[in-house]
């Protein structure tokens, strides 16, 4: 009999649901409403960067094929924000664009502008859109997300908002998503805001330093339930940006992917919450309710440990062995990793 995973499953679904609520067809039109006020950060941006920031944020609306794999989890229609970073170029969060057939941009004046997905970078989680009609909007410069002080003052702005919301950067702790996603130094801020999906995070000079990804429940990692938001640092984009614009993907070998959504268990190991259809894990017979115990014979400590060691084995296409407990029995499962992009329908335009 498979071990029960009700609490792990519910916790994971709550986290994913919060991160994807706006993406899964629920328009994020409400202004940011801070849930908790941090200390003394409620001052406005200077006038010049304020004006540039206000006109740079656009609404992103996308639609995917109803049969696409990600439509089952993210919804067929998704909505969030994006930020203009170059001539007719918008940066947003990648999950809004996965397997998208069409994309529209809506600027601060209400103009609806057709767009085309230029790239979805699965490693960073960021996405790029090229407007098909001139945006005529001033681009915001990219800041340096690596040198931001912690704690430090920042501002966020999402779609349909008339002024930025002041935030405090409180943590750069590692984040490991249950869906094989790892950020070593994310930007984690308080207070929590509700318009995070693709929203911009700006430094005091109005430079873009992060893109909103999700809501986190434990910003300090000490099990104290203090909610906040996670932003993807823009420095993750700077290196691969020329390749992403040219070919829609990074050059070089792809990161290995198995198609396993999992979560640490109090009893040890990683409980499998979901297996992507057609993925290496599905082909190998791994199922929801199984427990991952070891990779290449070495015990798995947690999600960051799993992802780091998986990537250390080499690029996608390599063979590996997982020790899996299934229905009370341990077994060795051989898999061949793949590139996650190969399991997804390419967005229209790439």
C-alpha atoms as a PDB file:
ATOM      1  CA  UNK A   1       0.000   0.000   0.000  1.00  0.00           C
ATOM      2  CA  UNK A   2       1.375   3.420  -0.900  1.00  0.00           C
ATOM      3  CA  UNK A   3       2.188   5.733   1.978  1.00  0.00           C
ATOM      4  CA  UNK A   4      -0.393   8.519   2.417  1.00  0.00           C
ATOM      5  CA  UNK A   5       0.652  12.010   1.323  1.00  0.00           C
ATOM      6  CA  UNK A   6      -2.405  14.105   2.159  1.00  0.00           C
ATOM      7  CA  UNK A   7      -0.612  16.864   4.093  1.00  0.00           C
ATOM      8  CA  UNK A   8       2.319  17.070   1.687  1.00  0.00           C
ATOM      9  CA  UNK A   9      -0.005  17.103  -1.270  1.00  0.00           C
ATOM     10  CA  UNK A  10      -2.250  19.785   0.198  1.00  0.00           C
ATOM     11  CA  UNK A  11       0.725  21.949   1.152  1.00  0.00           C
ATOM     12  CA  UNK A  12       2.187  21.671  -2.307  1.00  0.00           C
ATOM     13  CA  UNK A  13      -1.093  22.391  -4.006  1.00  0.00           C
ATOM     14  CA  UNK A  14      -1.630  25.424  -1.762  1.00  0.00           C
ATOM     15  CA  UNK A  15       1.781  26.798  -2.687  1.00  0.00           C
ATOM     16  CA  UNK A  16       1.333  26.086  -6.401  1.00  0.00           C
ATOM     17  CA  UNK A  17      -2.217  27.428  -6.334  1.00  0.00           C
ATOM     18  CA  UNK A  18      -1.078  30.682  -4.812  1.00  0.00           C
ATOM     19  CA  UNK A  19       1.726  31.009  -7.345  1.00  0.00           C
ATOM     20  CA  UNK A  20      -0.528  30.178 -10.290  1.00  0.00           C
ATOM     21  CA  UNK A  21      -3.808  31.788  -9.246  1.00  0.00           C
ATOM     22  CA  UNK A  22      -3.332  34.739 -11.538  1.00  0.00           C
ATOM     23  CA  UNK A  23      -1.852  32.622 -14.322  1.00  0.00           C
ATOM     24  CA  UNK A  24      -4.748  30.187 -14.360  1.00  0.00           C
ATOM     25  CA  UNK A  25      -7.333  32.476 -15.865  1.00  0.00           C
ATOM     26  CA  UNK A  26      -7.906  34.729 -12.857  1.00  0.00           C
ATOM     27  CA  UNK A  27      -7.122  38.310 -13.940  1.00  0.00           C
ATOM     28  CA  UNK A  28      -4.764  40.115 -11.596  1.00  0.00           C
ATOM     29  CA  UNK A  29      -6.478  43.472 -11.816  1.00  0.00           C
ATOM     30  CA  UNK A  30      -6.667  44.369  -8.144  1.00  0.00           C
ATOM     31  CA  UNK A  31      -3.984  46.755  -6.878  1.00  0.00           C
ATOM     32  CA  UNK A  32      -1.327  45.492  -4.524  1.00  0.00           C
ATOM     33  CA  UNK A  33      -2.555  45.484  -0.951  1.00  0.00           C
ATOM     34  CA  UNK A  34       0.223  44.871   1.555  1.00  0.00           C
ATOM     35  CA  UNK A  35      -0.653  42.268   4.160  1.00  0.00           C
ATOM     36  CA  UNK A  36       1.885  43.499   6.689  1.00  0.00           C
ATOM     37  CA  UNK A  37       3.655  46.858   6.897  1.00  0.00           C
ATOM     38  CA  UNK A  38       7.443  46.636   7.213  1.00  0.00           C
ATOM     39  CA  UNK A  39       9.323  49.331   9.033  1.00  0.00           C
ATOM     40  CA  UNK A  40       9.629  52.815   7.519  1.00  0.00           C
ATOM     41  CA  UNK A  41       9.653  52.058   3.802  1.00  0.00           C
ATOM     42  CA  UNK A  42       6.562  53.959   2.699  1.00  0.00           C
ATOM     43  CA  UNK A  43       8.269  56.703   0.679  1.00  0.00           C
ATOM     44  CA  UNK A  44       7.831  57.262  -3.031  1.00  0.00           C
ATOM     45  CA  UNK A  45      10.325  56.860  -5.825  1.00  0.00           C
ATOM     46  CA  UNK A  46      11.882  60.130  -7.066  1.00  0.00           C
ATOM     47  CA  UNK A  47       9.760  61.811  -9.792  1.00  0.00           C
ATOM     48  CA  UNK A  48      11.908  60.944 -12.840  1.00  0.00           C
ATOM     49  CA  UNK A  49      12.241  57.200 -12.264  1.00  0.00           C
ATOM     50  CA  UNK A  50       8.638  57.144 -11.041  1.00  0.00           C
ATOM     51  CA  UNK A  51       7.331  58.304 -14.427  1.00  0.00           C
ATOM     52  CA  UNK A  52       9.493  55.838 -16.319  1.00  0.00           C
ATOM     53  CA  UNK A  53       8.383  52.959 -14.103  1.00  0.00           C
ATOM     54  CA  UNK A  54       4.677  53.856 -14.350  1.00  0.00           C
ATOM     55  CA  UNK A  55       4.602  53.715 -18.156  1.00  0.00           C
ATOM     56  CA  UNK A  56       6.869  50.653 -18.448  1.00  0.00           C
ATOM     57  CA  UNK A  57       4.556  48.071 -16.855  1.00  0.00           C
ATOM     58  CA  UNK A  58       2.034  46.386 -19.160  1.00  0.00           C
ATOM     59  CA  UNK A  59      -0.645  43.735 -18.826  1.00  0.00           C
ATOM     60  CA  UNK A  60       0.199  40.362 -20.372  1.00  0.00           C
ATOM     61  CA  UNK A  61      -2.668  38.136 -21.544  1.00  0.00           C
ATOM     62  CA  UNK A  62      -1.928  34.753 -23.091  1.00  0.00           C
ATOM     63  CA  UNK A  63      -3.892  31.791 -24.368  1.00  0.00           C
ATOM     64  CA  UNK A  64      -2.660  28.245 -24.889  1.00  0.00           C
ATOM     65  CA  UNK A  65      -4.100  25.238 -26.661  1.00  0.00           C
ATOM     66  CA  UNK A  66      -6.686  23.438 -24.523  1.00  0.00           C
ATOM     67  CA  UNK A  67      -4.781  20.179 -25.045  1.00  0.00           C
ATOM     68  CA  UNK A  68      -1.391  21.597 -24.020  1.00  0.00           C
ATOM     69  CA  UNK A  69       0.231  19.921 -21.011  1.00  0.00           C
ATOM     70  CA  UNK A  70       0.478  23.174 -19.045  1.00  0.00           C
ATOM     71  CA  UNK A  71      -3.183  24.069 -19.635  1.00  0.00           C
ATOM     72  CA  UNK A  72      -4.077  21.394 -17.075  1.00  0.00           C
ATOM     73  CA  UNK A  73      -2.070  23.090 -14.313  1.00  0.00           C
ATOM     74  CA  UNK A  74      -1.762  26.740 -15.335  1.00  0.00           C
ATOM     75  CA  UNK A  75      -5.042  27.148 -17.199  1.00  0.00           C
ATOM     76  CA  UNK A  76      -5.636  27.876 -20.867  1.00  0.00           C
ATOM     77  CA  UNK A  77      -6.002  31.641 -20.357  1.00  0.00           C
ATOM     78  CA  UNK A  78      -3.445  33.441 -18.189  1.00  0.00           C
ATOM     79  CA  UNK A  79      -2.921  37.023 -17.148  1.00  0.00           C
ATOM     80  CA  UNK A  80      -0.199  38.916 -15.381  1.00  0.00           C
ATOM     81  CA  UNK A  81       2.246  41.767 -15.848  1.00  0.00           C
ATOM     82  CA  UNK A  82       5.369  42.507 -17.843  1.00  0.00           C
ATOM     83  CA  UNK A  83       7.996  45.251 -18.003  1.00  0.00           C
ATOM     84  CA  UNK A  84       9.368  46.983 -21.109  1.00  0.00           C
ATOM     85  CA  UNK A  85      13.158  46.478 -21.129  1.00  0.00           C
ATOM     86  CA  UNK A  86      13.984  47.352 -24.740  1.00  0.00           C
ATOM     87  CA  UNK A  87      12.457  48.573 -28.000  1.00  0.00           C
ATOM     88  CA  UNK A  88       9.190  46.604 -28.271  1.00  0.00           C
ATOM     89  CA  UNK A  89      10.617  44.011 -25.831  1.00  0.00           C
ATOM     90  CA  UNK A  90       8.801  42.937 -22.648  1.00  0.00           C
ATOM     91  CA  UNK A  91      10.157  40.813 -19.809  1.00  0.00           C
ATOM     92  CA  UNK A  92       7.707  38.728 -17.763  1.00  0.00           C
ATOM     93  CA  UNK A  93       7.483  35.514 -15.793  1.00  0.00           C
ATOM     94  CA  UNK A  94       7.797  32.433 -17.960  1.00  0.00           C
ATOM     95  CA  UNK A  95       4.781  30.441 -16.767  1.00  0.00           C
ATOM     96  CA  UNK A  96       2.481  32.995 -18.405  1.00  0.00           C
ATOM     97  CA  UNK A  97       3.962  32.059 -21.782  1.00  0.00           C
ATOM     98  CA  UNK A  98       4.449  28.282 -21.638  1.00  0.00           C
ATOM     99  CA  UNK A  99       2.868  26.699 -24.743  1.00  0.00           C
ATOM    100  CA  UNK A 100       1.100  30.000 -25.545  1.00  0.00           C
ATOM    101  CA  UNK A 101      -0.633  30.278 -28.915  1.00  0.00           C
ATOM    102  CA  UNK A 102      -1.348  34.000 -28.640  1.00  0.00           C
ATOM    103  CA  UNK A 103      -0.179  36.904 -26.493  1.00  0.00           C
ATOM    104  CA  UNK A 104      -1.592  40.411 -26.090  1.00  0.00           C
ATOM    105  CA  UNK A 105      -0.057  43.390 -24.297  1.00  0.00           C
ATOM    106  CA  UNK A 106      -2.121  46.224 -22.801  1.00  0.00           C
ATOM    107  CA  UNK A 107      -0.290  49.425 -21.905  1.00  0.00           C
ATOM    108  CA  UNK A 108      -1.083  52.081 -19.288  1.00  0.00           C
ATOM    109  CA  UNK A 109      -3.248  53.952 -21.803  1.00  0.00           C
ATOM    110  CA  UNK A 110      -5.403  50.903 -22.522  1.00  0.00           C
ATOM    111  CA  UNK A 111      -3.926  50.132 -25.967  1.00  0.00           C
ATOM    112  CA  UNK A 112      -4.103  46.432 -26.850  1.00  0.00           C
ATOM    113  CA  UNK A 113      -1.005  45.367 -28.775  1.00  0.00           C
ATOM    114  CA  UNK A 114      -0.420  41.905 -30.262  1.00  0.00           C
ATOM    115  CA  UNK A 115       2.751  40.198 -29.138  1.00  0.00           C
ATOM    116  CA  UNK A 116       4.782  37.113 -29.891  1.00  0.00           C
ATOM    117  CA  UNK A 117       6.639  34.881 -27.456  1.00  0.00           C
ATOM    118  CA  UNK A 118      10.342  35.348 -28.074  1.00  0.00           C
ATOM    119  CA  UNK A 119      11.692  33.002 -25.418  1.00  0.00           C
ATOM    120  CA  UNK A 120      10.837  31.044 -22.288  1.00  0.00           C
ATOM    121  CA  UNK A 121      13.917  30.321 -20.186  1.00  0.00           C
ATOM    122  CA  UNK A 122      13.097  27.312 -18.013  1.00  0.00           C
ATOM    123  CA  UNK A 123      16.318  27.637 -16.011  1.00  0.00           C
ATOM    124  CA  UNK A 124      15.579  31.121 -14.665  1.00  0.00           C
ATOM    125  CA  UNK A 125      11.799  31.012 -15.077  1.00  0.00           C
ATOM    126  CA  UNK A 126      11.728  34.246 -17.106  1.00  0.00           C
ATOM    127  CA  UNK A 127      10.027  34.915 -20.445  1.00  0.00           C
ATOM    128  CA  UNK A 128      10.380  37.456 -23.258  1.00  0.00           C
ATOM    129  CA  UNK A 129       7.697  38.930 -25.535  1.00  0.00           C
ATOM    130  CA  UNK A 130       8.255  40.897 -28.730  1.00  0.00           C
ATOM    131  CA  UNK A 131       5.495  43.396 -29.566  1.00  0.00           C
ATOM    132  CA  UNK A 132       4.291  43.081 -33.169  1.00  0.00           C
ATOM    133  CA  UNK A 133       3.243  46.741 -33.256  1.00  0.00           C
ATOM    134  CA  UNK A 134       5.502  49.534 -31.932  1.00  0.00           C
ATOM    135  CA  UNK A 135       4.948  50.021 -28.217  1.00  0.00           C
ATOM    136  CA  UNK A 136       6.276  53.583 -28.132  1.00  0.00           C
ATOM    137  CA  UNK A 137       7.093  53.116 -24.443  1.00  0.00           C
ATOM    138  CA  UNK A 138      10.357  54.036 -22.757  1.00  0.00           C
ATOM    139  CA  UNK A 139      12.308  50.989 -21.598  1.00  0.00           C
ATOM    140  CA  UNK A 140      13.528  50.770 -18.023  1.00  0.00           C
ATOM    141  CA  UNK A 141      17.209  49.918 -17.530  1.00  0.00           C
ATOM    142  CA  UNK A 142      18.228  46.683 -15.841  1.00  0.00           C
ATOM    143  CA  UNK A 143      19.762  47.109 -12.405  1.00  0.00           C
ATOM    144  CA  UNK A 144      22.242  44.883 -10.579  1.00  0.00           C
ATOM    145  CA  UNK A 145      20.288  42.325  -8.577  1.00  0.00           C
ATOM    146  CA  UNK A 146      23.473  40.800  -7.115  1.00  0.00           C
ATOM    147  CA  UNK A 147      24.526  43.874  -5.133  1.00  0.00           C
ATOM    148  CA  UNK A 148      21.212  44.778  -3.493  1.00  0.00           C
ATOM    149  CA  UNK A 149      21.536  45.264   0.277  1.00  0.00           C
ATOM    150  CA  UNK A 150      19.549  43.010   2.598  1.00  0.00           C
ATOM    151  CA  UNK A 151      17.544  44.473   4.210  1.00  0.00           C
ATOM    152  CA  UNK A 152      16.943  47.100   1.578  1.00  0.00           C
ATOM    153  CA  UNK A 153      14.220  49.288   0.104  1.00  0.00           C
ATOM    154  CA  UNK A 154      12.612  48.336  -3.230  1.00  0.00           C
ATOM    155  CA  UNK A 155       9.330  49.000  -5.060  1.00  0.00           C
ATOM    156  CA  UNK A 156       6.975  46.796  -7.052  1.00  0.00           C
ATOM    157  CA  UNK A 157       4.433  47.689  -9.720  1.00  0.00           C
ATOM    158  CA  UNK A 158       2.000  45.381 -11.477  1.00  0.00           C
ATOM    159  CA  UNK A 159      -0.678  45.751 -14.112  1.00  0.00           C
ATOM    160  CA  UNK A 160      -3.453  48.313 -13.586  1.00  0.00           C
ATOM    161  CA  UNK A 161      -1.693  49.918 -10.624  1.00  0.00           C
ATOM    162  CA  UNK A 162      -1.329  53.690 -10.400  1.00  0.00           C
ATOM    163  CA  UNK A 163       1.653  53.825  -8.055  1.00  0.00           C
ATOM    164  CA  UNK A 164       4.424  51.489  -6.918  1.00  0.00           C
ATOM    165  CA  UNK A 165       4.192  49.672  -3.605  1.00  0.00           C
ATOM    166  CA  UNK A 166       7.176  49.991  -1.262  1.00  0.00           C
ATOM    167  CA  UNK A 167       8.735  46.709  -0.156  1.00  0.00           C
ATOM    168  CA  UNK A 168      11.685  45.537   1.885  1.00  0.00           C
ATOM    169  CA  UNK A 169      14.138  42.937   0.612  1.00  0.00           C
ATOM    170  CA  UNK A 170      14.580  40.624   3.588  1.00  0.00           C
ATOM    171  CA  UNK A 171      16.100  37.387   2.293  1.00  0.00           C
ATOM    172  CA  UNK A 172      18.153  35.781  -0.491  1.00  0.00           C
ATOM    173  CA  UNK A 173      17.708  32.208   0.797  1.00  0.00           C
ATOM    174  CA  UNK A 174      17.666  29.395  -1.742  1.00  0.00           C
ATOM    175  CA  UNK A 175      14.276  28.490  -3.196  1.00  0.00           C
ATOM    176  CA  UNK A 176      13.487  25.043  -4.549  1.00  0.00           C
ATOM    177  CA  UNK A 177      10.129  24.618  -6.255  1.00  0.00           C
ATOM    178  CA  UNK A 178       8.470  21.218  -6.181  1.00  0.00           C
ATOM    179  CA  UNK A 179       8.394  21.208 -10.013  1.00  0.00           C
ATOM    180  CA  UNK A 180      12.221  20.816 -10.475  1.00  0.00           C
ATOM    181  CA  UNK A 181      12.945  24.537 -10.197  1.00  0.00           C
ATOM    182  CA  UNK A 182      15.901  25.969  -8.280  1.00  0.00           C
ATOM    183  CA  UNK A 183      16.880  29.579  -7.545  1.00  0.00           C
ATOM    184  CA  UNK A 184      20.050  29.956  -5.505  1.00  0.00           C
ATOM    185  CA  UNK A 185      19.620  33.666  -4.647  1.00  0.00           C
ATOM    186  CA  UNK A 186      16.031  34.831  -5.233  1.00  0.00           C
ATOM    187  CA  UNK A 187      14.746  38.204  -4.071  1.00  0.00           C
ATOM    188  CA  UNK A 188      12.297  37.676  -1.202  1.00  0.00           C
ATOM    189  CA  UNK A 189      10.338  40.694  -0.009  1.00  0.00           C
ATOM    190  CA  UNK A 190       7.754  41.838   2.531  1.00  0.00           C
ATOM    191  CA  UNK A 191       4.970  42.788   2.884  1.00  0.00           C
ATOM    192  CA  UNK A 192       3.177  40.243   0.717  1.00  0.00           C
ATOM    193  CA  UNK A 193       1.306  41.731  -2.247  1.00  0.00           C
ATOM    194  CA  UNK A 194      -1.360  40.107  -4.399  1.00  0.00           C
ATOM    195  CA  UNK A 195      -0.390  41.304  -7.884  1.00  0.00           C
ATOM    196  CA  UNK A 196       2.941  39.517  -8.173  1.00  0.00           C
ATOM    197  CA  UNK A 197       2.661  37.506 -11.399  1.00  0.00           C
ATOM    198  CA  UNK A 198       5.161  39.133 -13.775  1.00  0.00           C
ATOM    199  CA  UNK A 199       5.228  42.418 -11.853  1.00  0.00           C
ATOM    200  CA  UNK A 200       8.391  44.533 -11.814  1.00  0.00           C
ATOM    201  CA  UNK A 201      10.672  45.019  -8.813  1.00  0.00           C
ATOM    202  CA  UNK A 202      12.605  48.299  -8.942  1.00  0.00           C
ATOM    203  CA  UNK A 203      15.533  49.802  -7.036  1.00  0.00           C
ATOM    204  CA  UNK A 204      15.587  53.442  -5.778  1.00  0.00           C
ATOM    205  CA  UNK A 205      16.846  54.641  -9.192  1.00  0.00           C
ATOM    206  CA  UNK A 206      13.915  53.024 -10.971  1.00  0.00           C
ATOM    207  CA  UNK A 207      16.010  50.215 -12.471  1.00  0.00           C
ATOM    208  CA  UNK A 208      14.439  46.789 -12.874  1.00  0.00           C
ATOM    209  CA  UNK A 209      16.010  44.228 -10.523  1.00  0.00           C
ATOM    210  CA  UNK A 210      13.425  41.427 -10.434  1.00  0.00           C
ATOM    211  CA  UNK A 211      10.264  39.922 -11.912  1.00  0.00           C
ATOM    212  CA  UNK A 212       7.459  38.661  -9.664  1.00  0.00           C
ATOM    213  CA  UNK A 213       7.008  34.908  -9.535  1.00  0.00           C
ATOM    214  CA  UNK A 214       5.020  33.717  -6.528  1.00  0.00           C
ATOM    215  CA  UNK A 215       3.825  34.078  -2.954  1.00  0.00           C
ATOM    216  CA  UNK A 216       5.882  32.437  -0.205  1.00  0.00           C
ATOM    217  CA  UNK A 217       4.589  31.643   3.246  1.00  0.00           C
ATOM    218  CA  UNK A 218       7.888  31.580   5.162  1.00  0.00           C
ATOM    219  CA  UNK A 219      10.211  34.392   4.059  1.00  0.00           C
ATOM    220  CA  UNK A 220      12.962  33.702   6.610  1.00  0.00           C
ATOM    221  CA  UNK A 221      12.991  29.915   6.398  1.00  0.00           C
ATOM    222  CA  UNK A 222      12.520  29.523  10.152  1.00  0.00           C
ATOM    223  CA  UNK A 223       9.005  28.027  10.033  1.00  0.00           C
ATOM    224  CA  UNK A 224       7.478  31.292  11.276  1.00  0.00           C
ATOM    225  CA  UNK A 225       4.483  31.918   8.986  1.00  0.00           C
ATOM    226  CA  UNK A 226       5.390  35.354   7.623  1.00  0.00           C
ATOM    227  CA  UNK A 227       4.190  35.698   4.006  1.00  0.00           C
ATOM    228  CA  UNK A 228       6.049  37.572   1.303  1.00  0.00           C
ATOM    229  CA  UNK A 229       6.820  37.422  -2.413  1.00  0.00           C
ATOM    230  CA  UNK A 230       9.582  35.869  -4.471  1.00  0.00           C
ATOM    231  CA  UNK A 231      11.040  37.791  -7.402  1.00  0.00           C
ATOM    232  CA  UNK A 232      13.385  36.305 -10.003  1.00  0.00           C
ATOM    233  CA  UNK A 233      16.643  38.345 -10.159  1.00  0.00           C
ATOM    234  CA  UNK A 234      17.225  40.047 -13.521  1.00  0.00           C
ATOM    235  CA  UNK A 235      20.935  39.201 -13.465  1.00  0.00           C
ATOM    236  CA  UNK A 236      19.919  35.646 -14.411  1.00  0.00           C
ATOM    237  CA  UNK A 237      18.786  37.100 -17.746  1.00  0.00           C
ATOM    238  CA  UNK A 238      21.797  39.212 -18.670  1.00  0.00           C
ATOM    239  CA  UNK A 239      24.155  36.457 -19.795  1.00  0.00           C
ATOM    240  CA  UNK A 240      21.762  34.429 -21.971  1.00  0.00           C
ATOM    241  CA  UNK A 241      19.751  37.432 -23.264  1.00  0.00           C
ATOM    242  CA  UNK A 242      21.458  37.656 -26.697  1.00  0.00           C
ATOM    243  CA  UNK A 243      20.938  33.930 -27.298  1.00  0.00           C
ATOM    244  CA  UNK A 244      17.335  34.064 -26.089  1.00  0.00           C
ATOM    245  CA  UNK A 245      16.568  36.902 -28.481  1.00  0.00           C
ATOM    246  CA  UNK A 246      18.346  35.225 -31.373  1.00  0.00           C
ATOM    247  CA  UNK A 247      17.150  31.631 -31.071  1.00  0.00           C
ATOM    248  CA  UNK A 248      14.603  31.519 -28.227  1.00  0.00           C
ATOM    249  CA  UNK A 249      16.842  29.392 -26.003  1.00  0.00           C
ATOM    250  CA  UNK A 250      20.181  29.292 -24.246  1.00  0.00           C
ATOM    251  CA  UNK A 251      23.143  27.918 -26.130  1.00  0.00           C
ATOM    252  CA  UNK A 252      24.891  24.833 -24.847  1.00  0.00           C
ATOM    253  CA  UNK A 253      23.605  21.623 -23.285  1.00  0.00           C
ATOM    254  CA  UNK A 254      20.151  21.614 -21.721  1.00  0.00           C
ATOM    255  CA  UNK A 255      19.502  21.143 -18.001  1.00  0.00           C
ATOM    256  CA  UNK A 256      18.294  17.600 -17.162  1.00  0.00           C
ATOM    257  CA  UNK A 257      14.609  17.190 -16.324  1.00  0.00           C
ATOM    258  CA  UNK A 258      12.732  14.138 -15.035  1.00  0.00           C
ATOM    259  CA  UNK A 259       9.115  15.341 -14.806  1.00  0.00           C
ATOM    260  CA  UNK A 260       8.699  14.814 -11.062  1.00  0.00           C
ATOM    261  CA  UNK A 261       6.823  17.142  -8.715  1.00  0.00           C
ATOM    262  CA  UNK A 262       7.874  16.265  -5.171  1.00  0.00           C
ATOM    263  CA  UNK A 263       8.107  17.490  -1.605  1.00  0.00           C
ATOM    264  CA  UNK A 264      10.241  16.536   1.422  1.00  0.00           C
ATOM    265  CA  UNK A 265       8.613  14.131   3.861  1.00  0.00           C
ATOM    266  CA  UNK A 266       9.029  14.327   7.658  1.00  0.00           C
ATOM    267  CA  UNK A 267      10.015  10.657   7.623  1.00  0.00           C
ATOM    268  CA  UNK A 268      12.754  11.267   5.049  1.00  0.00           C
ATOM    269  CA  UNK A 269      12.930  11.186   1.290  1.00  0.00           C
ATOM    270  CA  UNK A 270      10.870  13.102  -1.231  1.00  0.00           C
ATOM    271  CA  UNK A 271       7.214  12.279  -1.720  1.00  0.00           C
ATOM    272  CA  UNK A 272       6.077  12.244  -5.344  1.00  0.00           C
ATOM    273  CA  UNK A 273       3.067  14.524  -5.772  1.00  0.00           C
ATOM    274  CA  UNK A 274       2.764  14.391  -9.554  1.00  0.00           C
ATOM    275  CA  UNK A 275       4.459  12.848 -12.579  1.00  0.00           C
ATOM    276  CA  UNK A 276       4.245  14.691 -15.895  1.00  0.00           C
ATOM    277  CA  UNK A 277       2.674  12.567 -18.646  1.00  0.00           C
ATOM    278  CA  UNK A 278       5.251  11.242 -21.084  1.00  0.00           C
ATOM    279  CA  UNK A 279       8.179  12.415 -18.943  1.00  0.00           C
ATOM    280  CA  UNK A 280      11.249  10.266 -18.150  1.00  0.00           C
ATOM    281  CA  UNK A 281       9.785   9.531 -14.720  1.00  0.00           C
ATOM    282  CA  UNK A 282       6.466   8.408 -16.234  1.00  0.00           C
ATOM    283  CA  UNK A 283       8.249   6.187 -18.759  1.00  0.00           C
ATOM    284  CA  UNK A 284      10.246   4.617 -15.912  1.00  0.00           C
ATOM    285  CA  UNK A 285       7.091   3.804 -13.962  1.00  0.00           C
ATOM    286  CA  UNK A 286       7.413   6.308 -11.114  1.00  0.00           C
ATOM    287  CA  UNK A 287       3.980   7.220  -9.770  1.00  0.00           C
ATOM    288  CA  UNK A 288       2.281   9.653  -7.429  1.00  0.00           C
ATOM    289  CA  UNK A 289       2.657   8.351  -3.856  1.00  0.00           C
ATOM    290  CA  UNK A 290       6.115   6.891  -4.412  1.00  0.00           C
ATOM    291  CA  UNK A 291       9.045   8.121  -2.301  1.00  0.00           C
ATOM    292  CA  UNK A 292      12.398   9.091  -3.794  1.00  0.00           C
ATOM    293  CA  UNK A 293      15.129   7.894  -1.441  1.00  0.00           C
ATOM    294  CA  UNK A 294      18.437   8.225  -3.249  1.00  0.00           C
ATOM    295  CA  UNK A 295      20.112   9.395  -6.458  1.00  0.00           C
ATOM    296  CA  UNK A 296      23.055   7.335  -7.722  1.00  0.00           C
ATOM    297  CA  UNK A 297      23.016   5.494  -4.398  1.00  0.00           C
ATOM    298  CA  UNK A 298      23.335   8.627  -2.260  1.00  0.00           C
ATOM    299  CA  UNK A 299      20.498   9.578   0.112  1.00  0.00           C
ATOM    300  CA  UNK A 300      18.446  12.614  -0.925  1.00  0.00           C
ATOM    301  CA  UNK A 301      18.427  15.269   1.795  1.00  0.00           C
ATOM    302  CA  UNK A 302      15.975  17.818   0.397  1.00  0.00           C
ATOM    303  CA  UNK A 303      14.868  19.442  -2.851  1.00  0.00           C
ATOM    304  CA  UNK A 304      17.937  21.695  -3.331  1.00  0.00           C
ATOM    305  CA  UNK A 305      20.176  18.679  -2.764  1.00  0.00           C
ATOM    306  CA  UNK A 306      18.181  16.645  -5.316  1.00  0.00           C
ATOM    307  CA  UNK A 307      18.293  19.342  -8.006  1.00  0.00           C
ATOM    308  CA  UNK A 308      21.964  20.234  -7.518  1.00  0.00           C
ATOM    309  CA  UNK A 309      23.068  16.628  -7.689  1.00  0.00           C
ATOM    310  CA  UNK A 310      20.842  15.913 -10.695  1.00  0.00           C
ATOM    311  CA  UNK A 311      22.436  18.810 -12.564  1.00  0.00           C
ATOM    312  CA  UNK A 312      25.943  17.776 -11.488  1.00  0.00           C
ATOM    313  CA  UNK A 313      25.487  14.499 -13.384  1.00  0.00           C
ATOM    314  CA  UNK A 314      25.664  16.334 -16.686  1.00  0.00           C
ATOM    315  CA  UNK A 315      23.314  17.708 -19.318  1.00  0.00           C
ATOM    316  CA  UNK A 316      19.953  16.342 -20.401  1.00  0.00           C
ATOM    317  CA  UNK A 317      20.122  12.934 -22.047  1.00  0.00           C
ATOM    318  CA  UNK A 318      22.211  11.235 -19.371  1.00  0.00           C
ATOM    319  CA  UNK A 319      21.386   7.998 -17.598  1.00  0.00           C
ATOM    320  CA  UNK A 320      20.821   7.920 -13.852  1.00  0.00           C
ATOM    321  CA  UNK A 321      19.435   5.716 -11.116  1.00  0.00           C
ATOM    322  CA  UNK A 322      16.869   6.648  -8.474  1.00  0.00           C
ATOM    323  CA  UNK A 323      16.104   4.532  -5.441  1.00  0.00           C
ATOM    324  CA  UNK A 324      12.321   4.578  -5.080  1.00  0.00           C
ATOM    325  CA  UNK A 325      10.034   3.185  -2.391  1.00  0.00           C
ATOM    326  CA  UNK A 326       6.794   2.003  -3.944  1.00  0.00           C
ATOM    327  CA  UNK A 327       4.070   0.158  -2.029  1.00  0.00           C
ATOM    328  CA  UNK A 328       6.504  -0.511   0.816  1.00  0.00           C
ATOM    329  CA  UNK A 329       9.232  -1.969  -1.414  1.00  0.00           C
ATOM    330  CA  UNK A 330      12.480  -0.288  -2.436  1.00  0.00           C
ATOM    331  CA  UNK A 331      13.595  -0.603  -6.034  1.00  0.00           C
ATOM    332  CA  UNK A 332      16.234   0.852  -8.329  1.00  0.00           C
ATOM    333  CA  UNK A 333      14.780   2.780 -11.258  1.00  0.00           C
ATOM    334  CA  UNK A 334      16.884   3.722 -14.272  1.00  0.00           C
ATOM    335  CA  UNK A 335      15.941   6.869 -16.167  1.00  0.00           C
ATOM    336  CA  UNK A 336      17.229   8.923 -19.065  1.00  0.00           C
ATOM    337  CA  UNK A 337      16.785  12.637 -18.391  1.00  0.00           C
ATOM    338  CA  UNK A 338      15.559  15.020 -21.056  1.00  0.00           C
ATOM    339  CA  UNK A 339      15.255  18.730 -21.806  1.00  0.00           C
ATOM    340  CA  UNK A 340      12.023  20.075 -20.326  1.00  0.00           C
ATOM    341  CA  UNK A 341      11.451  22.168 -23.441  1.00  0.00           C
ATOM    342  CA  UNK A 342      11.216  18.955 -25.468  1.00  0.00           C
ATOM    343  CA  UNK A 343       8.141  17.955 -23.450  1.00  0.00           C
ATOM    344  CA  UNK A 344       6.339  21.230 -24.156  1.00  0.00           C
ATOM    345  CA  UNK A 345       4.709  22.582 -27.264  1.00  0.00           C
ATOM    346  CA  UNK A 346       6.781  25.474 -28.519  1.00  0.00           C
ATOM    347  CA  UNK A 347       4.951  28.789 -28.074  1.00  0.00           C
ATOM    348  CA  UNK A 348       3.868  30.455 -31.274  1.00  0.00           C
ATOM    349  CA  UNK A 349       6.722  32.652 -32.473  1.00  0.00           C
ATOM    350  CA  UNK A 350       9.714  30.720 -31.161  1.00  0.00           C
END
